[in-house]
């Protein structure tokens, strides 16, 4: 569980809300499972809940939140970390972001 398997995405605003990232993400996760990757994580800014919605649609589950001084804008951001276990549903939670952040917590009201 020391290796990172982060799923990242970005899409120009003209293409938002068309299901493109969800569809592409499903294909990527399918291939990751075939390749034997045990889990995938993804994070989003708490102020961008629609990105969290994509993670939920991909079958990912909220694990925890953490604060980070985000670059290049040099601003404090609270990120939510989601995880999908591909090989073993009982795999432990990827804790690197938790361990690296002085401020980390579990938000009780986050839909997962």
C-alpha atoms as a PDB file:
ATOM      1  CA  UNK A   1       0.000   0.000   0.000  1.00  0.00           C
ATOM      2  CA  UNK A   2       3.002   2.315  -0.232  1.00  0.00           C
ATOM      3  CA  UNK A   3       2.654   2.848  -3.970  1.00  0.00           C
ATOM      4  CA  UNK A   4       0.331   5.580  -5.185  1.00  0.00           C
ATOM      5  CA  UNK A   5      -2.283   4.775  -7.807  1.00  0.00           C
ATOM      6  CA  UNK A   6      -3.915   8.179  -8.221  1.00  0.00           C
ATOM      7  CA  UNK A   7      -6.597   8.856 -10.789  1.00  0.00           C
ATOM      8  CA  UNK A   8      -6.440  12.469 -11.912  1.00  0.00           C
ATOM      9  CA  UNK A   9      -8.526  14.334 -14.427  1.00  0.00           C
ATOM     10  CA  UNK A  10      -9.258  17.801 -15.698  1.00  0.00           C
ATOM     11  CA  UNK A  11     -11.601  18.986 -18.380  1.00  0.00           C
ATOM     12  CA  UNK A  12     -12.159  22.384 -19.941  1.00  0.00           C
ATOM     13  CA  UNK A  13     -15.450  23.977 -18.889  1.00  0.00           C
ATOM     14  CA  UNK A  14     -17.018  23.663 -22.350  1.00  0.00           C
ATOM     15  CA  UNK A  15     -17.133  19.874 -21.833  1.00  0.00           C
ATOM     16  CA  UNK A  16     -18.373  19.736 -18.209  1.00  0.00           C
ATOM     17  CA  UNK A  17     -21.549  17.822 -17.266  1.00  0.00           C
ATOM     18  CA  UNK A  18     -21.492  15.531 -20.303  1.00  0.00           C
ATOM     19  CA  UNK A  19     -20.315  12.356 -18.558  1.00  0.00           C
ATOM     20  CA  UNK A  20     -16.980  12.368 -20.372  1.00  0.00           C
ATOM     21  CA  UNK A  21     -14.794  11.993 -17.276  1.00  0.00           C
ATOM     22  CA  UNK A  22     -17.066   9.323 -15.804  1.00  0.00           C
ATOM     23  CA  UNK A  23     -17.012   7.285 -19.013  1.00  0.00           C
ATOM     24  CA  UNK A  24     -13.249   7.630 -19.439  1.00  0.00           C
ATOM     25  CA  UNK A  25     -12.701   6.868 -15.749  1.00  0.00           C
ATOM     26  CA  UNK A  26     -14.685   3.626 -16.005  1.00  0.00           C
ATOM     27  CA  UNK A  27     -12.487   2.498 -18.917  1.00  0.00           C
ATOM     28  CA  UNK A  28      -9.317   3.387 -17.009  1.00  0.00           C
ATOM     29  CA  UNK A  29     -10.472   1.537 -13.883  1.00  0.00           C
ATOM     30  CA  UNK A  30     -11.408  -1.510 -15.943  1.00  0.00           C
ATOM     31  CA  UNK A  31      -7.907  -1.597 -17.422  1.00  0.00           C
ATOM     32  CA  UNK A  32      -6.304  -0.991 -14.016  1.00  0.00           C
ATOM     33  CA  UNK A  33      -8.150  -4.005 -12.624  1.00  0.00           C
ATOM     34  CA  UNK A  34      -7.005  -6.156 -15.588  1.00  0.00           C
ATOM     35  CA  UNK A  35      -3.448  -4.958 -14.957  1.00  0.00           C
ATOM     36  CA  UNK A  36      -3.626  -6.118 -11.341  1.00  0.00           C
ATOM     37  CA  UNK A  37      -3.517  -2.693  -9.711  1.00  0.00           C
ATOM     38  CA  UNK A  38      -4.892  -3.330  -6.220  1.00  0.00           C
ATOM     39  CA  UNK A  39      -6.512   0.047  -5.590  1.00  0.00           C
ATOM     40  CA  UNK A  40      -6.980   3.520  -7.036  1.00  0.00           C
ATOM     41  CA  UNK A  41      -7.284   6.805  -5.156  1.00  0.00           C
ATOM     42  CA  UNK A  42      -8.480  10.241  -6.197  1.00  0.00           C
ATOM     43  CA  UNK A  43      -8.786  13.550  -4.409  1.00  0.00           C
ATOM     44  CA  UNK A  44     -10.842  16.660  -4.945  1.00  0.00           C
ATOM     45  CA  UNK A  45     -11.089  20.114  -3.452  1.00  0.00           C
ATOM     46  CA  UNK A  46     -13.962  20.150  -0.968  1.00  0.00           C
ATOM     47  CA  UNK A  47     -15.224  23.288  -2.758  1.00  0.00           C
ATOM     48  CA  UNK A  48     -15.680  21.243  -5.950  1.00  0.00           C
ATOM     49  CA  UNK A  49     -18.220  18.595  -4.865  1.00  0.00           C
ATOM     50  CA  UNK A  50     -19.129  17.660  -8.458  1.00  0.00           C
ATOM     51  CA  UNK A  51     -15.681  16.142  -8.818  1.00  0.00           C
ATOM     52  CA  UNK A  52     -16.479  14.018  -5.770  1.00  0.00           C
ATOM     53  CA  UNK A  53     -19.680  13.025  -7.549  1.00  0.00           C
ATOM     54  CA  UNK A  54     -17.609  11.639 -10.420  1.00  0.00           C
ATOM     55  CA  UNK A  55     -15.589   9.584  -7.927  1.00  0.00           C
ATOM     56  CA  UNK A  56     -18.783   8.194  -6.406  1.00  0.00           C
ATOM     57  CA  UNK A  57     -20.140   7.325  -9.885  1.00  0.00           C
ATOM     58  CA  UNK A  58     -16.901   5.409 -10.483  1.00  0.00           C
ATOM     59  CA  UNK A  59     -17.575   3.331  -7.364  1.00  0.00           C
ATOM     60  CA  UNK A  60     -15.010   5.070  -5.186  1.00  0.00           C
ATOM     61  CA  UNK A  61     -15.673   5.635  -1.478  1.00  0.00           C
ATOM     62  CA  UNK A  62     -14.797   8.628   0.670  1.00  0.00           C
ATOM     63  CA  UNK A  63     -12.077   7.829   3.205  1.00  0.00           C
ATOM     64  CA  UNK A  64     -10.892  11.090   4.782  1.00  0.00           C
ATOM     65  CA  UNK A  65     -10.127  14.784   4.299  1.00  0.00           C
ATOM     66  CA  UNK A  66      -6.864  16.662   4.717  1.00  0.00           C
ATOM     67  CA  UNK A  67      -5.478  20.151   4.318  1.00  0.00           C
ATOM     68  CA  UNK A  68      -2.643  21.067   1.982  1.00  0.00           C
ATOM     69  CA  UNK A  69      -1.002  24.313   0.924  1.00  0.00           C
ATOM     70  CA  UNK A  70      -1.828  23.844  -2.746  1.00  0.00           C
ATOM     71  CA  UNK A  71       0.549  24.990  -5.442  1.00  0.00           C
ATOM     72  CA  UNK A  72       0.840  26.814  -7.786  1.00  0.00           C
ATOM     73  CA  UNK A  73      -1.751  29.163  -6.249  1.00  0.00           C
ATOM     74  CA  UNK A  74      -0.234  28.917  -2.748  1.00  0.00           C
ATOM     75  CA  UNK A  75      -3.606  28.586  -1.037  1.00  0.00           C
ATOM     76  CA  UNK A  76      -4.851  26.320   1.729  1.00  0.00           C
ATOM     77  CA  UNK A  77      -7.186  23.668   0.319  1.00  0.00           C
ATOM     78  CA  UNK A  78      -9.166  20.933   2.042  1.00  0.00           C
ATOM     79  CA  UNK A  79      -9.040  17.812  -0.116  1.00  0.00           C
ATOM     80  CA  UNK A  80     -11.297  14.768   0.142  1.00  0.00           C
ATOM     81  CA  UNK A  81      -9.665  11.426  -0.590  1.00  0.00           C
ATOM     82  CA  UNK A  82     -11.646   8.611  -2.211  1.00  0.00           C
ATOM     83  CA  UNK A  83     -10.484   5.039  -2.803  1.00  0.00           C
ATOM     84  CA  UNK A  84     -11.627   2.074  -4.871  1.00  0.00           C
ATOM     85  CA  UNK A  85     -10.206  -1.337  -4.049  1.00  0.00           C
ATOM     86  CA  UNK A  86      -9.922  -3.344  -7.246  1.00  0.00           C
ATOM     87  CA  UNK A  87      -8.309  -6.581  -6.111  1.00  0.00           C
ATOM     88  CA  UNK A  88      -9.475  -7.089  -2.539  1.00  0.00           C
ATOM     89  CA  UNK A  89     -12.393  -5.203  -1.033  1.00  0.00           C
ATOM     90  CA  UNK A  90     -10.812  -5.485   2.419  1.00  0.00           C
ATOM     91  CA  UNK A  91      -7.570  -3.741   1.436  1.00  0.00           C
ATOM     92  CA  UNK A  92      -6.460  -1.055   3.897  1.00  0.00           C
ATOM     93  CA  UNK A  93      -7.004   2.636   3.256  1.00  0.00           C
ATOM     94  CA  UNK A  94      -4.162   4.468   1.512  1.00  0.00           C
ATOM     95  CA  UNK A  95      -2.883   6.764   4.285  1.00  0.00           C
ATOM     96  CA  UNK A  96      -0.072   8.791   2.681  1.00  0.00           C
ATOM     97  CA  UNK A  97      -2.082  12.015   2.461  1.00  0.00           C
ATOM     98  CA  UNK A  98      -3.328  11.482   6.003  1.00  0.00           C
ATOM     99  CA  UNK A  99       0.196  10.892   7.289  1.00  0.00           C
ATOM    100  CA  UNK A 100       1.702  13.814   5.351  1.00  0.00           C
ATOM    101  CA  UNK A 101      -0.873  16.358   6.517  1.00  0.00           C
ATOM    102  CA  UNK A 102      -0.823  17.916   9.974  1.00  0.00           C
ATOM    103  CA  UNK A 103      -4.568  18.549   9.615  1.00  0.00           C
ATOM    104  CA  UNK A 104      -6.624  15.517   8.658  1.00  0.00           C
ATOM    105  CA  UNK A 105     -10.080  14.354   9.659  1.00  0.00           C
ATOM    106  CA  UNK A 106     -13.129  12.344   8.632  1.00  0.00           C
ATOM    107  CA  UNK A 107     -16.191  14.324   7.611  1.00  0.00           C
ATOM    108  CA  UNK A 108     -19.328  12.564   8.858  1.00  0.00           C
ATOM    109  CA  UNK A 109     -21.692  14.087   6.287  1.00  0.00           C
ATOM    110  CA  UNK A 110     -19.822  13.187   3.095  1.00  0.00           C
ATOM    111  CA  UNK A 111     -21.791  10.905   0.774  1.00  0.00           C
ATOM    112  CA  UNK A 112     -19.787   7.911  -0.294  1.00  0.00           C
END
